[in-house]
Amino acid sequence: MPRVKRGVTSKRRHKKILKLAEGFYGRKKNLWTRATEQVQKGWQASFKGRKLRKRQFRTLWIARINSACRENDISYSRFINGMLKAGITLNRKQLAEMAVTDAPAFLKLVEIAKQNVMVAPK
């Protein structure tokens, strides 16, 4: 079996990883082993970040809707309950955008939700 020289292949692989490690601090940017570890750690963090971003945006939307609801004398949970009972299916992203940019339309939704929410006896 002929001998295989792997210099070109490994050099290419190393250069690819070291290119990804540009801008890292200290030896992490120019030592192959440290750079590999750090790049893999970065990939893990970016994977996790893509999942967390979805949670953070949903939290932001709920906070914006809640703020707009409280200005119109209704709690967030009663607003969502009233919307469900009225059969209005707008997602939280759309509701938050409406609360920020189109206050009169959001006020109409609040009125519809108030009509459909069950009022608890005091």
PDB file of N, CA and C in Angstrom:
ATOM      1  N   MET A   1       0.843  -1.182   0.000  1.00  0.00           N
ATOM      2  CA  MET A   1       0.000   0.000   0.000  1.00  0.00           C
ATOM      3  C   MET A   1       0.889   1.246   0.000  1.00  0.00           C
ATOM      4  N   PRO A   2       0.596   2.203  -0.848  1.00  0.00           N
ATOM      5  CA  PRO A   2       1.448   3.391  -0.919  1.00  0.00           C
ATOM      6  C   PRO A   2       1.281   4.291   0.310  1.00  0.00           C
ATOM      7  N   ARG A   3       2.317   5.032   0.597  1.00  0.00           N
ATOM      8  CA  ARG A   3       2.325   5.942   1.733  1.00  0.00           C
ATOM      9  C   ARG A   3       1.477   7.179   1.406  1.00  0.00           C
ATOM     10  N   VAL A   4       0.723   7.639   2.391  1.00  0.00           N
ATOM     11  CA  VAL A   4      -0.122   8.823   2.207  1.00  0.00           C
ATOM     12  C   VAL A   4       0.470   9.971   3.015  1.00  0.00           C
ATOM     13  N   LYS A   5       0.793  11.021   2.344  1.00  0.00           N
ATOM     14  CA  LYS A   5       1.291  12.217   3.027  1.00  0.00           C
ATOM     15  C   LYS A   5       0.104  13.164   3.221  1.00  0.00           C
ATOM     16  N   ARG A   6      -0.124  13.568   4.477  1.00  0.00           N
ATOM     17  CA  ARG A   6      -1.351  14.316   4.786  1.00  0.00           C
ATOM     18  C   ARG A   6      -1.089  15.784   5.073  1.00  0.00           C
ATOM     19  N   GLY A   7       0.047  16.283   4.685  1.00  0.00           N
ATOM     20  CA  GLY A   7       0.400  17.657   5.021  1.00  0.00           C
ATOM     21  C   GLY A   7      -0.576  18.675   4.473  1.00  0.00           C
ATOM     22  N   VAL A   8      -0.971  18.521   3.228  1.00  0.00           N
ATOM     23  CA  VAL A   8      -1.864  19.495   2.597  1.00  0.00           C
ATOM     24  C   VAL A   8      -3.240  19.477   3.267  1.00  0.00           C
ATOM     25  N   THR A   9      -3.752  18.270   3.519  1.00  0.00           N
ATOM     26  CA  THR A   9      -5.090  18.131   4.107  1.00  0.00           C
ATOM     27  C   THR A   9      -5.148  18.712   5.515  1.00  0.00           C
ATOM     28  N   SER A  10      -4.166  18.331   6.338  1.00  0.00           N
ATOM     29  CA  SER A  10      -4.201  18.815   7.724  1.00  0.00           C
ATOM     30  C   SER A  10      -3.938  20.318   7.778  1.00  0.00           C
ATOM     31  N   LYS A  11      -3.071  20.809   6.911  1.00  0.00           N
ATOM     32  CA  LYS A  11      -2.809  22.251   6.860  1.00  0.00           C
ATOM     33  C   LYS A  11      -4.090  23.012   6.515  1.00  0.00           C
ATOM     34  N   ARG A  12      -4.842  22.487   5.550  1.00  0.00           N
ATOM     35  CA  ARG A  12      -6.096  23.123   5.149  1.00  0.00           C
ATOM     36  C   ARG A  12      -7.095  23.121   6.306  1.00  0.00           C
ATOM     37  N   ARG A  13      -7.193  21.982   7.007  1.00  0.00           N
ATOM     38  CA  ARG A  13      -8.118  21.877   8.129  1.00  0.00           C
ATOM     39  C   ARG A  13      -7.722  22.831   9.253  1.00  0.00           C
ATOM     40  N   HIS A  14      -6.410  22.892   9.536  1.00  0.00           N
ATOM     41  CA  HIS A  14      -5.933  23.784  10.587  1.00  0.00           C
ATOM     42  C   HIS A  14      -6.201  25.245  10.224  1.00  0.00           C
ATOM     43  N   LYS A  15      -5.941  25.599   8.985  1.00  0.00           N
ATOM     44  CA  LYS A  15      -6.168  26.981   8.564  1.00  0.00           C
ATOM     45  C   LYS A  15      -7.643  27.365   8.692  1.00  0.00           C
ATOM     46  N   LYS A  16      -8.532  26.410   8.393  1.00  0.00           N
ATOM     47  CA  LYS A  16      -9.973  26.683   8.482  1.00  0.00           C
ATOM     48  C   LYS A  16     -10.366  27.013   9.923  1.00  0.00           C
ATOM     49  N   ILE A  17      -9.863  26.222  10.873  1.00  0.00           N
ATOM     50  CA  ILE A  17     -10.188  26.456  12.281  1.00  0.00           C
ATOM     51  C   ILE A  17      -9.531  27.743  12.782  1.00  0.00           C
ATOM     52  N   LEU A  18      -8.272  27.951  12.411  1.00  0.00           N
ATOM     53  CA  LEU A  18      -7.578  29.157  12.869  1.00  0.00           C
ATOM     54  C   LEU A  18      -8.215  30.420  12.288  1.00  0.00           C
ATOM     55  N   LYS A  19      -8.781  30.323  11.107  1.00  0.00           N
ATOM     56  CA  LYS A  19      -9.505  31.454  10.518  1.00  0.00           C
ATOM     57  C   LYS A  19     -10.738  31.770  11.366  1.00  0.00           C
ATOM     58  N   LEU A  20     -11.425  30.732  11.847  1.00  0.00           N
ATOM     59  CA  LEU A  20     -12.596  30.939  12.708  1.00  0.00           C
ATOM     60  C   LEU A  20     -12.202  31.504  14.075  1.00  0.00           C
ATOM     61  N   ALA A  21     -10.953  31.247  14.494  1.00  0.00           N
ATOM     62  CA  ALA A  21     -10.498  31.688  15.813  1.00  0.00           C
ATOM     63  C   ALA A  21      -9.901  33.090  15.791  1.00  0.00           C
ATOM     64  N   GLU A  22      -9.948  33.774  14.659  1.00  0.00           N
ATOM     65  CA  GLU A  22      -9.421  35.135  14.595  1.00  0.00           C
ATOM     66  C   GLU A  22     -10.154  36.029  15.584  1.00  0.00           C
ATOM     67  N   GLY A  23      -9.398  36.839  16.277  1.00  0.00           N
ATOM     68  CA  GLY A  23     -10.009  37.763  17.223  1.00  0.00           C
ATOM     69  C   GLY A  23     -10.112  37.214  18.627  1.00  0.00           C
ATOM     70  N   PHE A  24      -9.807  35.928  18.818  1.00  0.00           N
ATOM     71  CA  PHE A  24      -9.821  35.371  20.165  1.00  0.00           C
ATOM     72  C   PHE A  24      -8.602  35.882  20.922  1.00  0.00           C
ATOM     73  N   TYR A  25      -8.645  35.819  22.240  1.00  0.00           N
ATOM     74  CA  TYR A  25      -7.624  36.407  23.096  1.00  0.00           C
ATOM     75  C   TYR A  25      -6.505  35.407  23.365  1.00  0.00           C
ATOM     76  N   GLY A  26      -5.291  35.879  23.352  1.00  0.00           N
ATOM     77  CA  GLY A  26      -4.136  35.077  23.758  1.00  0.00           C
ATOM     78  C   GLY A  26      -3.837  33.938  22.800  1.00  0.00           C
ATOM     79  N   ARG A  27      -3.480  32.782  23.363  1.00  0.00           N
ATOM     80  CA  ARG A  27      -3.087  31.634  22.549  1.00  0.00           C
ATOM     81  C   ARG A  27      -4.257  30.979  21.840  1.00  0.00           C
ATOM     82  N   LYS A  28      -5.452  31.343  22.223  1.00  0.00           N
ATOM     83  CA  LYS A  28      -6.644  30.726  21.618  1.00  0.00           C
ATOM     84  C   LYS A  28      -6.748  31.046  20.135  1.00  0.00           C
ATOM     85  N   LYS A  29      -6.059  32.060  19.684  1.00  0.00           N
ATOM     86  CA  LYS A  29      -6.167  32.441  18.280  1.00  0.00           C
ATOM     87  C   LYS A  29      -5.108  31.814  17.392  1.00  0.00           C
ATOM     88  N   ASN A  30      -3.994  31.291  17.990  1.00  0.00           N
ATOM     89  CA  ASN A  30      -2.939  30.800  17.118  1.00  0.00           C
ATOM     90  C   ASN A  30      -2.380  29.425  17.461  1.00  0.00           C
ATOM     91  N   LEU A  31      -2.818  28.817  18.550  1.00  0.00           N
ATOM     92  CA  LEU A  31      -2.432  27.435  18.821  1.00  0.00           C
ATOM     93  C   LEU A  31      -3.576  26.517  18.383  1.00  0.00           C
ATOM     94  N   TRP A  32      -3.234  25.514  17.621  1.00  0.00           N
ATOM     95  CA  TRP A  32      -4.246  24.646  17.007  1.00  0.00           C
ATOM     96  C   TRP A  32      -5.192  24.031  18.040  1.00  0.00           C
ATOM     97  N   THR A  33      -4.635  23.419  19.105  1.00  0.00           N
ATOM     98  CA  THR A  33      -5.472  22.725  20.091  1.00  0.00           C
ATOM     99  C   THR A  33      -6.380  23.701  20.821  1.00  0.00           C
ATOM    100  N   ARG A  34      -5.816  24.804  21.295  1.00  0.00           N
ATOM    101  CA  ARG A  34      -6.613  25.807  22.026  1.00  0.00           C
ATOM    102  C   ARG A  34      -7.668  26.438  21.107  1.00  0.00           C
ATOM    103  N   ALA A  35      -7.270  26.697  19.868  1.00  0.00           N
ATOM    104  CA  ALA A  35      -8.218  27.297  18.924  1.00  0.00           C
ATOM    105  C   ALA A  35      -9.376  26.344  18.647  1.00  0.00           C
ATOM    106  N   THR A  36      -9.089  25.059  18.487  1.00  0.00           N
ATOM    107  CA  THR A  36     -10.138  24.066  18.230  1.00  0.00           C
ATOM    108  C   THR A  36     -11.125  24.021  19.384  1.00  0.00           C
ATOM    109  N   GLU A  37     -10.586  23.982  20.611  1.00  0.00           N
ATOM    110  CA  GLU A  37     -11.457  23.948  21.798  1.00  0.00           C
ATOM    111  C   GLU A  37     -12.350  25.182  21.840  1.00  0.00           C
ATOM    112  N   GLN A  38     -11.750  26.337  21.587  1.00  0.00           N
ATOM    113  CA  GLN A  38     -12.492  27.582  21.716  1.00  0.00           C
ATOM    114  C   GLN A  38     -13.536  27.738  20.619  1.00  0.00           C
ATOM    115  N   VAL A  39     -13.207  27.308  19.408  1.00  0.00           N
ATOM    116  CA  VAL A  39     -14.166  27.397  18.304  1.00  0.00           C
ATOM    117  C   VAL A  39     -15.363  26.482  18.579  1.00  0.00           C
ATOM    118  N   GLN A  40     -15.095  25.279  19.089  1.00  0.00           N
ATOM    119  CA  GLN A  40     -16.200  24.368  19.411  1.00  0.00           C
ATOM    120  C   GLN A  40     -17.067  24.938  20.525  1.00  0.00           C
ATOM    121  N   LYS A  41     -16.424  25.563  21.501  1.00  0.00           N
ATOM    122  CA  LYS A  41     -17.178  26.217  22.580  1.00  0.00           C
ATOM    123  C   LYS A  41     -18.050  27.342  22.020  1.00  0.00           C
ATOM    124  N   GLY A  42     -17.496  28.065  21.057  1.00  0.00           N
ATOM    125  CA  GLY A  42     -18.260  29.128  20.412  1.00  0.00           C
ATOM    126  C   GLY A  42     -19.458  28.594  19.650  1.00  0.00           C
ATOM    127  N   TRP A  43     -19.276  27.459  18.977  1.00  0.00           N
ATOM    128  CA  TRP A  43     -20.398  26.837  18.266  1.00  0.00           C
ATOM    129  C   TRP A  43     -21.498  26.422  19.238  1.00  0.00           C
ATOM    130  N   GLN A  44     -21.096  25.896  20.398  1.00  0.00           N
ATOM    131  CA  GLN A  44     -22.088  25.509  21.407  1.00  0.00           C
ATOM    132  C   GLN A  44     -22.864  26.733  21.895  1.00  0.00           C
ATOM    133  N   ALA A  45     -22.130  27.815  22.136  1.00  0.00           N
ATOM    134  CA  ALA A  45     -22.769  29.036  22.631  1.00  0.00           C
ATOM    135  C   ALA A  45     -23.726  29.612  21.595  1.00  0.00           C
ATOM    136  N   SER A  46     -23.344  29.554  20.317  1.00  0.00           N
ATOM    137  CA  SER A  46     -24.224  30.115  19.291  1.00  0.00           C
ATOM    138  C   SER A  46     -25.467  29.254  19.110  1.00  0.00           C
ATOM    139  N   PHE A  47     -25.325  27.933  19.248  1.00  0.00           N
ATOM    140  CA  PHE A  47     -26.488  27.039  19.175  1.00  0.00           C
ATOM    141  C   PHE A  47     -27.459  27.362  20.306  1.00  0.00           C
ATOM    142  N   LYS A  48     -26.908  27.500  21.509  1.00  0.00           N
ATOM    143  CA  LYS A  48     -27.744  27.818  22.662  1.00  0.00           C
ATOM    144  C   LYS A  48     -28.384  29.198  22.507  1.00  0.00           C
ATOM    145  N   GLY A  49     -27.614  30.145  21.955  1.00  0.00           N
ATOM    146  CA  GLY A  49     -28.106  31.501  21.771  1.00  0.00           C
ATOM    147  C   GLY A  49     -29.285  31.573  20.823  1.00  0.00           C
ATOM    148  N   ARG A  50     -29.267  30.717  19.786  1.00  0.00           N
ATOM    149  CA  ARG A  50     -30.396  30.707  18.843  1.00  0.00           C
ATOM    150  C   ARG A  50     -31.675  30.240  19.523  1.00  0.00           C
ATOM    151  N   LYS A  51     -31.554  29.349  20.498  1.00  0.00           N
ATOM    152  CA  LYS A  51     -32.736  28.900  21.248  1.00  0.00           C
ATOM    153  C   LYS A  51     -33.185  29.972  22.238  1.00  0.00           C
ATOM    154  N   LEU A  52     -32.228  30.584  22.917  1.00  0.00           N
ATOM    155  CA  LEU A  52     -32.558  31.595  23.926  1.00  0.00           C
ATOM    156  C   LEU A  52     -33.178  32.837  23.307  1.00  0.00           C
ATOM    157  N   ARG A  53     -32.749  33.177  22.090  1.00  0.00           N
ATOM    158  CA  ARG A  53     -33.264  34.380  21.434  1.00  0.00           C
ATOM    159  C   ARG A  53     -34.783  34.301  21.277  1.00  0.00           C
ATOM    160  N   LYS A  54     -35.292  33.114  20.968  1.00  0.00           N
ATOM    161  CA  LYS A  54     -36.738  32.936  20.805  1.00  0.00           C
ATOM    162  C   LYS A  54     -37.461  33.188  22.125  1.00  0.00           C
ATOM    163  N   ARG A  55     -36.887  32.694  23.235  1.00  0.00           N
ATOM    164  CA  ARG A  55     -37.494  32.931  24.551  1.00  0.00           C
ATOM    165  C   ARG A  55     -37.484  34.409  24.906  1.00  0.00           C
ATOM    166  N   GLN A  56     -36.349  35.057  24.633  1.00  0.00           N
ATOM    167  CA  GLN A  56     -36.213  36.461  25.006  1.00  0.00           C
ATOM    168  C   GLN A  56     -37.188  37.349  24.231  1.00  0.00           C
ATOM    169  N   PHE A  57     -37.384  37.036  22.944  1.00  0.00           N
ATOM    170  CA  PHE A  57     -38.322  37.832  22.165  1.00  0.00           C
ATOM    171  C   PHE A  57     -39.744  37.628  22.663  1.00  0.00           C
ATOM    172  N   ARG A  58     -40.117  36.389  22.989  1.00  0.00           N
ATOM    173  CA  ARG A  58     -41.466  36.148  23.513  1.00  0.00           C
ATOM    174  C   ARG A  58     -41.671  36.919  24.816  1.00  0.00           C
ATOM    175  N   THR A  59     -40.663  36.932  25.682  1.00  0.00           N
ATOM    176  CA  THR A  59     -40.741  37.689  26.939  1.00  0.00           C
ATOM    177  C   THR A  59     -40.937  39.177  26.666  1.00  0.00           C
ATOM    178  N   LEU A  60     -40.196  39.697  25.690  1.00  0.00           N
ATOM    179  CA  LEU A  60     -40.318  41.112  25.329  1.00  0.00           C
ATOM    180  C   LEU A  60     -41.717  41.426  24.818  1.00  0.00           C
ATOM    181  N   TRP A  61     -42.244  40.562  23.943  1.00  0.00           N
ATOM    182  CA  TRP A  61     -43.590  40.789  23.393  1.00  0.00           C
ATOM    183  C   TRP A  61     -44.634  40.788  24.501  1.00  0.00           C
ATOM    184  N   ILE A  62     -44.523  39.846  25.419  1.00  0.00           N
ATOM    185  CA  ILE A  62     -45.495  39.761  26.518  1.00  0.00           C
ATOM    186  C   ILE A  62     -45.407  41.011  27.389  1.00  0.00           C
ATOM    187  N   ALA A  63     -44.200  41.495  27.642  1.00  0.00           N
ATOM    188  CA  ALA A  63     -44.037  42.709  28.456  1.00  0.00           C
ATOM    189  C   ALA A  63     -44.676  43.913  27.765  1.00  0.00           C
ATOM    190  N   ARG A  64     -44.505  44.023  26.453  1.00  0.00           N
ATOM    191  CA  ARG A  64     -45.094  45.148  25.718  1.00  0.00           C
ATOM    192  C   ARG A  64     -46.611  45.068  25.711  1.00  0.00           C
ATOM    193  N   ILE A  65     -47.148  43.876  25.507  1.00  0.00           N
ATOM    194  CA  ILE A  65     -48.612  43.707  25.504  1.00  0.00           C
ATOM    195  C   ILE A  65     -49.164  44.027  26.879  1.00  0.00           C
ATOM    196  N   ASN A  66     -48.497  43.528  27.920  1.00  0.00           N
ATOM    197  CA  ASN A  66     -48.956  43.759  29.286  1.00  0.00           C
ATOM    198  C   ASN A  66     -48.969  45.247  29.604  1.00  0.00           C
ATOM    199  N   SER A  67     -47.923  45.946  29.186  1.00  0.00           N
ATOM    200  CA  SER A  67     -47.852  47.388  29.439  1.00  0.00           C
ATOM    201  C   SER A  67     -49.006  48.121  28.755  1.00  0.00           C
ATOM    202  N   ALA A  68     -49.273  47.768  27.500  1.00  0.00           N
ATOM    203  CA  ALA A  68     -50.360  48.418  26.772  1.00  0.00           C
ATOM    204  C   ALA A  68     -51.712  48.057  27.373  1.00  0.00           C
ATOM    205  N   CYS A  69     -51.856  46.830  27.846  1.00  0.00           N
ATOM    206  CA  CYS A  69     -53.118  46.409  28.466  1.00  0.00           C
ATOM    207  C   CYS A  69     -53.371  47.181  29.753  1.00  0.00           C
ATOM    208  N   ARG A  70     -52.342  47.328  30.569  1.00  0.00           N
ATOM    209  CA  ARG A  70     -52.498  48.021  31.848  1.00  0.00           C
ATOM    210  C   ARG A  70     -52.863  49.489  31.654  1.00  0.00           C
ATOM    211  N   GLU A  71     -52.385  50.076  30.561  1.00  0.00           N
ATOM    212  CA  GLU A  71     -52.787  51.455  30.266  1.00  0.00           C
ATOM    213  C   GLU A  71     -54.279  51.532  29.971  1.00  0.00           C
ATOM    214  N   ASN A  72     -54.855  50.416  29.511  1.00  0.00           N
ATOM    215  CA  ASN A  72     -56.279  50.375  29.173  1.00  0.00           C
ATOM    216  C   ASN A  72     -57.102  49.602  30.209  1.00  0.00           C
ATOM    217  N   ASP A  73     -56.582  49.518  31.438  1.00  0.00           N
ATOM    218  CA  ASP A  73     -57.307  48.967  32.588  1.00  0.00           C
ATOM    219  C   ASP A  73     -57.723  47.513  32.424  1.00  0.00           C
ATOM    220  N   ILE A  74     -56.807  46.688  31.963  1.00  0.00           N
ATOM    221  CA  ILE A  74     -57.061  45.246  31.904  1.00  0.00           C
ATOM    222  C   ILE A  74     -55.715  44.555  32.081  1.00  0.00           C
ATOM    223  N   SER A  75     -55.727  43.400  32.743  1.00  0.00           N
ATOM    224  CA  SER A  75     -54.470  42.679  32.922  1.00  0.00           C
ATOM    225  C   SER A  75     -54.163  41.861  31.672  1.00  0.00           C
ATOM    226  N   TYR A  76     -52.917  41.458  31.555  1.00  0.00           N
ATOM    227  CA  TYR A  76     -52.478  40.683  30.383  1.00  0.00           C
ATOM    228  C   TYR A  76     -53.253  39.372  30.284  1.00  0.00           C
ATOM    229  N   SER A  77     -53.383  38.675  31.408  1.00  0.00           N
ATOM    230  CA  SER A  77     -54.032  37.357  31.375  1.00  0.00           C
ATOM    231  C   SER A  77     -55.514  37.480  31.000  1.00  0.00           C
ATOM    232  N   ARG A  78     -56.176  38.501  31.508  1.00  0.00           N
ATOM    233  CA  ARG A  78     -57.593  38.703  31.137  1.00  0.00           C
ATOM    234  C   ARG A  78     -57.720  39.093  29.666  1.00  0.00           C
ATOM    235  N   PHE A  79     -56.773  39.882  29.182  1.00  0.00           N
ATOM    236  CA  PHE A  79     -56.778  40.270  27.773  1.00  0.00           C
ATOM    237  C   PHE A  79     -56.639  39.043  26.865  1.00  0.00           C
ATOM    238  N   ILE A  80     -55.674  38.200  27.167  1.00  0.00           N
ATOM    239  CA  ILE A  80     -55.450  36.995  26.354  1.00  0.00           C
ATOM    240  C   ILE A  80     -56.650  36.061  26.451  1.00  0.00           C
ATOM    241  N   ASN A  81     -57.212  35.936  27.647  1.00  0.00           N
ATOM    242  CA  ASN A  81     -58.396  35.096  27.838  1.00  0.00           C
ATOM    243  C   ASN A  81     -59.572  35.629  27.015  1.00  0.00           C
ATOM    244  N   GLY A  82     -59.778  36.939  27.062  1.00  0.00           N
ATOM    245  CA  GLY A  82     -60.856  37.546  26.286  1.00  0.00           C
ATOM    246  C   GLY A  82     -60.654  37.385  24.787  1.00  0.00           C
ATOM    247  N   MET A  83     -59.401  37.486  24.342  1.00  0.00           N
ATOM    248  CA  MET A  83     -59.095  37.301  22.920  1.00  0.00           C
ATOM    249  C   MET A  83     -59.409  35.871  22.474  1.00  0.00           C
ATOM    250  N   LEU A  84     -59.044  34.911  23.310  1.00  0.00           N
ATOM    251  CA  LEU A  84     -59.323  33.508  22.980  1.00  0.00           C
ATOM    252  C   LEU A  84     -60.823  33.247  22.905  1.00  0.00           C
ATOM    253  N   LYS A  85     -61.558  33.796  23.873  1.00  0.00           N
ATOM    254  CA  LYS A  85     -63.010  33.592  23.881  1.00  0.00           C
ATOM    255  C   LYS A  85     -63.689  34.281  22.709  1.00  0.00           C
ATOM    256  N   ALA A  86     -63.103  35.392  22.256  1.00  0.00           N
ATOM    257  CA  ALA A  86     -63.664  36.099  21.109  1.00  0.00           C
ATOM    258  C   ALA A  86     -63.291  35.432  19.791  1.00  0.00           C
ATOM    259  N   GLY A  87     -62.358  34.492  19.861  1.00  0.00           N
ATOM    260  CA  GLY A  87     -61.951  33.791  18.653  1.00  0.00           C
ATOM    261  C   GLY A  87     -60.952  34.561  17.802  1.00  0.00           C
ATOM    262  N   ILE A  88     -60.280  35.513  18.400  1.00  0.00           N
ATOM    263  CA  ILE A  88     -59.274  36.293  17.673  1.00  0.00           C
ATOM    264  C   ILE A  88     -57.926  35.608  17.864  1.00  0.00           C
ATOM    265  N   THR A  89     -57.327  35.198  16.759  1.00  0.00           N
ATOM    266  CA  THR A  89     -56.073  34.454  16.845  1.00  0.00           C
ATOM    267  C   THR A  89     -54.924  35.276  16.259  1.00  0.00           C
ATOM    268  N   LEU A  90     -54.467  36.235  17.028  1.00  0.00           N
ATOM    269  CA  LEU A  90     -53.264  36.985  16.674  1.00  0.00           C
ATOM    270  C   LEU A  90     -52.158  36.508  17.603  1.00  0.00           C
ATOM    271  N   ASN A  91     -50.972  36.286  17.052  1.00  0.00           N
ATOM    272  CA  ASN A  91     -49.886  35.842  17.928  1.00  0.00           C
ATOM    273  C   ASN A  91     -49.307  37.028  18.696  1.00  0.00           C
ATOM    274  N   ARG A  92     -48.474  36.719  19.661  1.00  0.00           N
ATOM    275  CA  ARG A  92     -47.959  37.750  20.561  1.00  0.00           C
ATOM    276  C   ARG A  92     -47.056  38.744  19.835  1.00  0.00           C
ATOM    277  N   LYS A  93     -46.373  38.289  18.808  1.00  0.00           N
ATOM    278  CA  LYS A  93     -45.524  39.195  18.035  1.00  0.00           C
ATOM    279  C   LYS A  93     -46.377  40.258  17.351  1.00  0.00           C
ATOM    280  N   GLN A  94     -47.477  39.838  16.744  1.00  0.00           N
ATOM    281  CA  GLN A  94     -48.370  40.783  16.075  1.00  0.00           C
ATOM    282  C   GLN A  94     -49.030  41.722  17.082  1.00  0.00           C
ATOM    283  N   LEU A  95     -49.461  41.167  18.210  1.00  0.00           N
ATOM    284  CA  LEU A  95     -50.098  41.999  19.232  1.00  0.00           C
ATOM    285  C   LEU A  95     -49.132  43.048  19.781  1.00  0.00           C
ATOM    286  N   ALA A  96     -47.877  42.646  20.021  1.00  0.00           N
ATOM    287  CA  ALA A  96     -46.887  43.588  20.545  1.00  0.00           C
ATOM    288  C   ALA A  96     -46.611  44.695  19.528  1.00  0.00           C
ATOM    289  N   GLU A  97     -46.494  44.337  18.260  1.00  0.00           N
ATOM    290  CA  GLU A  97     -46.262  45.332  17.218  1.00  0.00           C
ATOM    291  C   GLU A  97     -47.439  46.302  17.136  1.00  0.00           C
ATOM    292  N   MET A  98     -48.651  45.753  17.257  1.00  0.00           N
ATOM    293  CA  MET A  98     -49.848  46.589  17.213  1.00  0.00           C
ATOM    294  C   MET A  98     -49.905  47.515  18.431  1.00  0.00           C
ATOM    295  N   ALA A  99     -49.525  46.997  19.593  1.00  0.00           N
ATOM    296  CA  ALA A  99     -49.552  47.803  20.813  1.00  0.00           C
ATOM    297  C   ALA A  99     -48.594  48.983  20.716  1.00  0.00           C
ATOM    298  N   VAL A 100     -47.459  48.788  20.048  1.00  0.00           N
ATOM    299  CA  VAL A 100     -46.455  49.843  19.956  1.00  0.00           C
ATOM    300  C   VAL A 100     -46.794  50.843  18.851  1.00  0.00           C
ATOM    301  N   THR A 101     -47.195  50.344  17.679  1.00  0.00           N
ATOM    302  CA  THR A 101     -47.334  51.227  16.516  1.00  0.00           C
ATOM    303  C   THR A 101     -48.760  51.687  16.238  1.00  0.00           C
ATOM    304  N   ASP A 102     -49.755  50.889  16.613  1.00  0.00           N
ATOM    305  CA  ASP A 102     -51.139  51.199  16.244  1.00  0.00           C
ATOM    306  C   ASP A 102     -52.032  51.126  17.484  1.00  0.00           C
ATOM    307  N   ALA A 103     -51.926  52.130  18.339  1.00  0.00           N
ATOM    308  CA  ALA A 103     -52.665  52.133  19.608  1.00  0.00           C
ATOM    309  C   ALA A 103     -54.186  52.097  19.436  1.00  0.00           C
ATOM    310  N   PRO A 104     -54.799  52.832  18.477  1.00  0.00           N
ATOM    311  CA  PRO A 104     -56.261  52.773  18.342  1.00  0.00           C
ATOM    312  C   PRO A 104     -56.779  51.371  17.999  1.00  0.00           C
ATOM    313  N   ALA A 105     -56.079  50.666  17.130  1.00  0.00           N
ATOM    314  CA  ALA A 105     -56.497  49.298  16.787  1.00  0.00           C
ATOM    315  C   ALA A 105     -56.355  48.384  17.995  1.00  0.00           C
ATOM    316  N   PHE A 106     -55.274  48.575  18.766  1.00  0.00           N
ATOM    317  CA  PHE A 106     -55.082  47.761  19.968  1.00  0.00           C
ATOM    318  C   PHE A 106     -56.176  48.050  20.987  1.00  0.00           C
ATOM    319  N   LEU A 107     -56.610  49.309  21.078  1.00  0.00           N
ATOM    320  CA  LEU A 107     -57.688  49.673  21.995  1.00  0.00           C
ATOM    321  C   LEU A 107     -58.984  48.949  21.629  1.00  0.00           C
ATOM    322  N   LYS A 108     -59.240  48.809  20.319  1.00  0.00           N
ATOM    323  CA  LYS A 108     -60.427  48.058  19.889  1.00  0.00           C
ATOM    324  C   LYS A 108     -60.339  46.599  20.309  1.00  0.00           C
ATOM    325  N   LEU A 109     -59.140  46.015  20.206  1.00  0.00           N
ATOM    326  CA  LEU A 109     -58.962  44.635  20.659  1.00  0.00           C
ATOM    327  C   LEU A 109     -59.173  44.514  22.164  1.00  0.00           C
ATOM    328  N   VAL A 110     -58.723  45.520  22.898  1.00  0.00           N
ATOM    329  CA  VAL A 110     -58.921  45.513  24.353  1.00  0.00           C
ATOM    330  C   VAL A 110     -60.406  45.558  24.681  1.00  0.00           C
ATOM    331  N   GLU A 111     -61.150  46.388  23.962  1.00  0.00           N
ATOM    332  CA  GLU A 111     -62.601  46.474  24.204  1.00  0.00           C
ATOM    333  C   GLU A 111     -63.282  45.140  23.908  1.00  0.00           C
ATOM    334  N   ILE A 112     -62.889  44.499  22.816  1.00  0.00           N
ATOM    335  CA  ILE A 112     -63.453  43.183  22.483  1.00  0.00           C
ATOM    336  C   ILE A 112     -63.113  42.182  23.577  1.00  0.00           C
ATOM    337  N   ALA A 113     -61.871  42.206  24.062  1.00  0.00           N
ATOM    338  CA  ALA A 113     -61.451  41.278  25.115  1.00  0.00           C
ATOM    339  C   ALA A 113     -62.223  41.541  26.402  1.00  0.00           C
ATOM    340  N   LYS A 114     -62.459  42.824  26.724  1.00  0.00           N
ATOM    341  CA  LYS A 114     -63.199  43.158  27.952  1.00  0.00           C
ATOM    342  C   LYS A 114     -64.634  42.641  27.882  1.00  0.00           C
ATOM    343  N   GLN A 115     -65.235  42.689  26.694  1.00  0.00           N
ATOM    344  CA  GLN A 115     -66.599  42.200  26.554  1.00  0.00           C
ATOM    345  C   GLN A 115     -66.674  40.686  26.735  1.00  0.00           C
ATOM    346  N   ASN A 116     -65.629  39.974  26.308  1.00  0.00           N
ATOM    347  CA  ASN A 116     -65.671  38.525  26.307  1.00  0.00           C
ATOM    348  C   ASN A 116     -65.076  37.870  27.542  1.00  0.00           C
ATOM    349  N   VAL A 117     -64.384  38.631  28.349  1.00  0.00           N
ATOM    350  CA  VAL A 117     -63.775  38.039  29.546  1.00  0.00           C
ATOM    351  C   VAL A 117     -64.831  37.916  30.638  1.00  0.00           C
ATOM    352  N   MET A 118     -64.748  36.836  31.370  1.00  0.00           N
ATOM    353  CA  MET A 118     -65.704  36.616  32.451  1.00  0.00           C
ATOM    354  C   MET A 118     -65.290  37.464  33.649  1.00  0.00           C
ATOM    355  N   VAL A 119     -66.178  38.285  34.147  1.00  0.00           N
ATOM    356  CA  VAL A 119     -65.882  39.157  35.262  1.00  0.00           C
ATOM    357  C   VAL A 119     -66.086  38.364  36.550  1.00  0.00           C
ATOM    358  N   ALA A 120     -65.044  38.315  37.367  1.00  0.00           N
ATOM    359  CA  ALA A 120     -65.107  37.574  38.624  1.00  0.00           C
ATOM    360  C   ALA A 120     -65.877  38.382  39.655  1.00  0.00           C
ATOM    361  N   PRO A 121     -66.755  37.737  40.450  1.00  0.00           N
ATOM    362  CA  PRO A 121     -67.496  38.466  41.476  1.00  0.00           C
ATOM    363  C   PRO A 121     -66.574  38.907  42.601  1.00  0.00           C
ATOM    364  N   LYS A 122     -66.889  40.076  43.192  1.00  0.00           N
ATOM    365  CA  LYS A 122     -66.035  40.614  44.259  1.00  0.00           C
ATOM    366  C   LYS A 122     -66.618  40.324  45.611  1.00  0.00           C
TER     367      LYS A 122
END
